[in-house]
Structure formats: structure tokens, C-alpha cells
Amino acid sequence: MNGGVRLKETKNGRARTIAMSVTVRDELRTHRLRQAEEMLKLGKRLTEDNFVAALEDGSLMQPTFITHEWVDLIGASGLPRVRFHDLRHAHATHMLSLGIHPKVASERLGHSRVGTTLDLYSHVLPGMQEDAAAKLDAALKAAQKGA
């Protein structure tokens, strides 16, 4: 227990590793460097045990702090108000819209079954039907030219 925050295992008790884009990796490295510099100003050293999303002194953020910061940030931006958790749904929707295989999306989201992902995000798939038909048509035409 750290200031009321409880760290716990994943639902299935297994760690989940996902691939990270180079852009995200580079942004996190830049953030980590700034974080280390800020902590040094406070006379503290950043360690591997410190969280990436932490307060200036490296201490763990309360979930309510993150929620309040998000609400303030969205409010100041003029963007439509969305919950922080909605970013997860947006990520899932974007993955499927980009044609990322539902199994891969399911693994990234931590769903135990791809069916869960498809049940929750099937609204994204109708537009993908036309895209699939167009790709199949292109493949058939290419095969006919080669025959």
C-alpha cells in the first residue's frame, strides 16, 4: 500500500508485454530523462522502481489525481469531454479501423478472448467489410492477369 494506492496483479495473474512504437518509446525516454532531472533537483535519484507516471518527487500518483488532471486538461483544451478510460476504447477502435488483426488488438487490451474484443468493438467492423471486399477484388484481378 502506498498512500492508499493498491498495486495488484493482472486479472489472470500473468504479466502482459506489448510492442511499443518507436515514437512512443522515444517520448517515454525523453519524459524519463526530464523526470530524472526533476528528481535530482529535489536531491533524489531516479531508480528502476520509480513509475513513469509519478509526481515530481517520484511518488506514486493517486488515481483520482490523474482523473482530475485529465478533466482539467480536456477542459482547457476545448476538446469534447471524454473520460480518461475512454482513451482505451479509442485505442481499440483505432487499431481495428487501421486493419490491425482483432487477435492482436485483443492481446494489447488484455482481453482473455478475442471474442470479447469483437463483442465490444464490432461497431468498427462494418466499414472494414467494404475494404476487405476491395482488397479481395484487387487480388482476384491480379491473379486473372497472371493466369
Protein backbone atom coordinates (compact mmCIF):
# COMPACT_ATOMS: atom_id res chain seq x y z
CA MET A 1 0.00 0.00 0.00
CA ASN A 2 1.42 3.37 -0.99
CA GLY A 3 -0.68 6.35 0.09
CA GLY A 4 -3.92 4.47 -0.45
CA VAL A 5 -2.99 3.04 -3.84
CA ARG A 6 -3.06 -0.72 -4.07
CA LEU A 7 -0.79 -2.37 -6.62
CA LYS A 8 -2.17 -5.69 -7.75
CA GLU A 9 -1.64 -8.48 -10.21
CA THR A 10 -3.40 -8.62 -13.56
CA LYS A 11 -6.77 -10.38 -13.61
CA ASN A 12 -5.22 -13.61 -14.88
CA GLY A 13 -2.06 -13.27 -12.76
CA ARG A 14 0.24 -13.15 -15.80
CA ALA A 15 2.34 -10.22 -16.93
CA ARG A 16 1.46 -8.77 -20.33
CA THR A 17 4.10 -7.46 -22.69
CA ILE A 18 3.10 -5.46 -25.74
CA ALA A 19 5.16 -3.99 -28.56
CA MET A 20 5.67 -0.25 -28.39
CA SER A 21 6.02 2.09 -31.34
CA VAL A 22 9.35 3.86 -31.81
CA THR A 23 7.60 7.23 -31.41
CA VAL A 24 6.10 6.25 -28.05
CA ARG A 25 9.40 4.74 -26.90
CA ASP A 26 11.27 7.93 -27.77
CA GLU A 27 8.68 10.10 -25.99
CA LEU A 28 8.89 7.93 -22.88
CA ARG A 29 12.69 8.12 -22.88
CA THR A 30 12.53 11.91 -23.14
CA HIS A 31 9.99 12.01 -20.31
CA ARG A 32 12.15 9.71 -18.18
CA LEU A 33 15.16 11.98 -18.68
CA ARG A 34 13.14 15.05 -17.61
CA GLN A 35 11.82 13.05 -14.67
CA ALA A 36 15.36 12.16 -13.57
CA GLU A 37 16.45 15.79 -13.86
CA GLU A 38 13.49 16.99 -11.76
CA MET A 39 14.16 14.40 -9.08
CA LEU A 40 17.85 15.34 -8.93
CA LYS A 41 16.79 18.93 -8.22
CA LEU A 42 14.97 17.52 -5.19
CA GLY A 43 18.05 15.55 -4.15
CA LYS A 44 16.60 12.21 -5.17
CA ARG A 45 17.86 9.65 -7.65
CA LEU A 46 15.52 8.02 -10.16
CA THR A 47 15.54 4.22 -9.88
CA GLU A 48 14.04 1.40 -11.91
CA ASP A 49 11.40 1.10 -9.20
CA ASN A 50 10.04 4.60 -9.90
CA PHE A 51 6.95 4.76 -12.06
CA VAL A 52 6.94 6.65 -15.34
CA ALA A 53 3.70 8.38 -14.36
CA ALA A 54 4.64 9.80 -10.98
CA LEU A 55 4.61 13.02 -9.03
CA GLU A 56 7.63 15.34 -9.26
CA ASP A 57 9.28 13.63 -6.29
CA GLY A 58 8.82 10.18 -7.85
CA SER A 59 5.98 9.16 -5.56
CA LEU A 60 3.02 7.26 -6.91
CA MET A 61 0.07 9.28 -8.19
CA GLN A 62 -3.35 8.65 -6.73
CA PRO A 63 -5.79 7.54 -9.45
CA THR A 64 -8.05 10.46 -8.53
CA PHE A 65 -5.16 12.86 -9.19
CA ILE A 66 -4.80 11.51 -12.72
CA THR A 67 -8.56 11.82 -13.27
CA HIS A 68 -8.64 15.42 -12.02
CA GLU A 69 -5.61 16.38 -14.13
CA TRP A 70 -7.27 14.79 -17.18
CA VAL A 71 -10.51 16.69 -16.60
CA ASP A 72 -8.58 19.97 -16.26
CA LEU A 73 -6.52 19.26 -19.37
CA ILE A 74 -9.54 18.39 -21.50
CA GLY A 75 -11.47 21.36 -20.16
CA ALA A 76 -8.66 23.78 -21.03
CA SER A 77 -8.18 22.30 -24.50
CA GLY A 78 -11.71 22.91 -25.71
CA LEU A 79 -11.95 19.29 -26.86
CA PRO A 80 -15.13 17.30 -26.17
CA ARG A 81 -15.18 15.98 -22.62
CA VAL A 82 -14.25 12.30 -22.50
CA ARG A 83 -13.27 10.13 -19.59
CA PHE A 84 -9.64 9.07 -19.20
CA HIS A 85 -10.74 5.44 -19.61
CA ASP A 86 -12.24 6.37 -22.99
CA LEU A 87 -8.66 6.54 -24.32
CA ARG A 88 -8.58 2.74 -24.02
CA HIS A 89 -11.72 2.49 -26.14
CA ALA A 90 -10.31 4.96 -28.66
CA HIS A 91 -7.12 2.88 -28.91
CA ALA A 92 -9.13 -0.29 -29.56
CA THR A 93 -11.28 1.45 -32.16
CA HIS A 94 -8.27 2.93 -33.94
CA MET A 95 -6.48 -0.42 -34.06
CA LEU A 96 -9.44 -2.15 -35.66
CA SER A 97 -10.08 0.79 -38.02
CA LEU A 98 -6.45 0.57 -39.17
CA GLY A 99 -6.97 -3.08 -40.05
CA ILE A 100 -4.94 -4.45 -37.13
CA HIS A 101 -5.95 -8.06 -36.61
CA PRO A 102 -8.56 -8.40 -33.83
CA LYS A 103 -6.40 -11.02 -32.08
CA VAL A 104 -3.52 -8.53 -31.84
CA ALA A 105 -5.89 -5.82 -30.58
CA SER A 106 -7.29 -8.28 -28.04
CA GLU A 107 -3.80 -9.09 -26.74
CA ARG A 108 -2.88 -5.40 -26.44
CA LEU A 109 -6.08 -4.72 -24.50
CA GLY A 110 -5.53 -7.70 -22.21
CA HIS A 111 -8.74 -9.47 -23.16
CA SER A 112 -8.59 -13.19 -22.46
CA ARG A 113 -10.58 -13.96 -25.61
CA VAL A 114 -10.65 -12.27 -29.00
CA GLY A 115 -14.43 -12.66 -28.83
CA THR A 116 -14.53 -10.10 -26.02
CA THR A 117 -12.79 -7.57 -28.24
CA LEU A 118 -15.08 -8.33 -31.16
CA ASP A 119 -18.19 -8.11 -28.98
CA LEU A 120 -17.16 -4.72 -27.60
CA TYR A 121 -15.86 -3.16 -30.81
CA SER A 122 -17.81 -4.81 -33.62
CA HIS A 123 -19.31 -1.41 -34.49
CA VAL A 124 -15.95 -0.58 -36.10
CA LEU A 125 -16.03 -3.57 -38.42
CA PRO A 126 -18.87 -2.76 -40.89
CA GLY A 127 -16.74 -0.25 -42.83
CA MET A 128 -13.98 -2.81 -42.90
CA GLN A 129 -16.19 -5.20 -44.89
CA GLU A 130 -16.04 -2.92 -47.93
CA ASP A 131 -12.28 -2.57 -47.53
CA ALA A 132 -11.90 -6.36 -47.38
CA ALA A 133 -14.05 -6.77 -50.49
CA ALA A 134 -11.95 -4.21 -52.38
CA LYS A 135 -8.70 -5.93 -51.37
CA LEU A 136 -10.07 -9.32 -52.42
CA ASP A 137 -11.21 -7.84 -55.73
CA ALA A 138 -7.74 -6.41 -56.36
CA ALA A 139 -6.16 -9.79 -55.56
CA LEU A 140 -8.56 -11.60 -57.92
CA LYS A 141 -7.83 -9.14 -60.74
CA ALA A 142 -4.10 -9.55 -60.19
CA ALA A 143 -4.49 -13.34 -60.27
CA GLN A 144 -6.52 -13.14 -63.51
CA LYS A 145 -3.79 -11.04 -65.16
CA GLY A 146 -1.17 -13.59 -64.12
CA ALA A 147 -3.16 -16.58 -65.41
